[in-house]
Amino acid sequence: MKLGVFTVLFAQRSLEEALDYIAASGVEMIELGTGNYSAPTHCNPDALLGNKTAQKELLNAVESRGLAISALSCHGNPLHPDKAFAKSNHELYRKVVQLAKELGIETVINFSGCPGDGPNATKPNWVTCAWPPDYAEILKWQWEEAVIPYWKEEAKHLKNNGVKVAFEMHPGFCVYNVDTMLRIREACGESIGCNFDPSHLFWNGVDVCAAIRALGSSIYHVHAKDCKIDSLNTGVNGCNDTTPYDQELKRSWIFRTVGYGHDAQTWKDIVSTLKLVGYDYVLSIEHEDSLMSVNEGFQKAVVFLKDVIISERAGEMWWA
């Protein structure tokens, strides 16, 4: 298992400065943001596509520091009912797939997307219950008329280009848990898999290791991000929470640096279970901890995860 980082954390630094800092911190892989919901941090597809010189410069900058690129990320909503928004997200995603092919990178990270409640909607509609019947009808329309047709076509395109897309299972989008992940994969094939981010599952009450076992070989990439559940607030309001993220004291949960939501044993179990199902690629640090600076959160995550990964490597040697 390798340690990585999602470089959107370092948008304020130049590529060279970010890579120097990342390499000096003992991280081995980088995940590059390319646009849509996150800015094209250090990786602008329009500047790189078809430009062998620029691509070589990027790869040399990465590889000369002993690093490798784990994935290109373009988190977006290509199914958005606003057709202009959806078109923009789709076009960027297609560019990133092409860029991944040209760079020799296997994985592109995205969201599944979320359409509205029908063909005339103007805003996405994320359904979280099956009753009253309107909601079941919305789900049926979304999956049968929007989600599956779109991603079936994209799966063909991915296969033709030798690239896979890894969906981050995220509330607000149609693929947000194990069942929905396996549903889209069954319908569209193995060109579609999972970017496993435990932080989005913890606050939904998911047993993360059980989820890993259920997803198995569909896990293509992993984000290392934690989540702290506030038992006082969840005791009153449960975990479905629309409180703004900057009102931490009132929220049912907040994102945390790894180790500040769940202890080392939990993360050791996560790494062990990932290895049990055959995943031995990258833990890519993502920082969204509003109680820590980027540098503090990143460095604490590096120290914490190095210990977890070293423990697993030591265990690997013992078993061998």
Foldseek 3Di string as FASTA:
>chain_A
DFAAAECLLPLVDAPLVSLVVCLVLVHAEYEAEAEAVGHRRNHDLVVQPPDVVVLVVSQCSQVVSNHYYQEYELEHALQELPPVRNVVSVVSQVSRLRNCLVNVHAEYEYALHFYPQDNPDHGGDFADDPPPVSSVSSLVCCVPPPRLVVLLVVLVVNVVSNHAYAHEQAGVGQRNALVSQVVSCVSRHLSYAHAYECARVVLVVDLSLVRCVSRQPRHRHYEQKHKAADCVQCVPVNRPDPPDQVVVVNHRMHIAQPCPRDHLVSVLSNVVSCVVSPDDGYHYYDDDHPVDRSVVSVSVNSVSVVVSVVVVVVVVVVVD
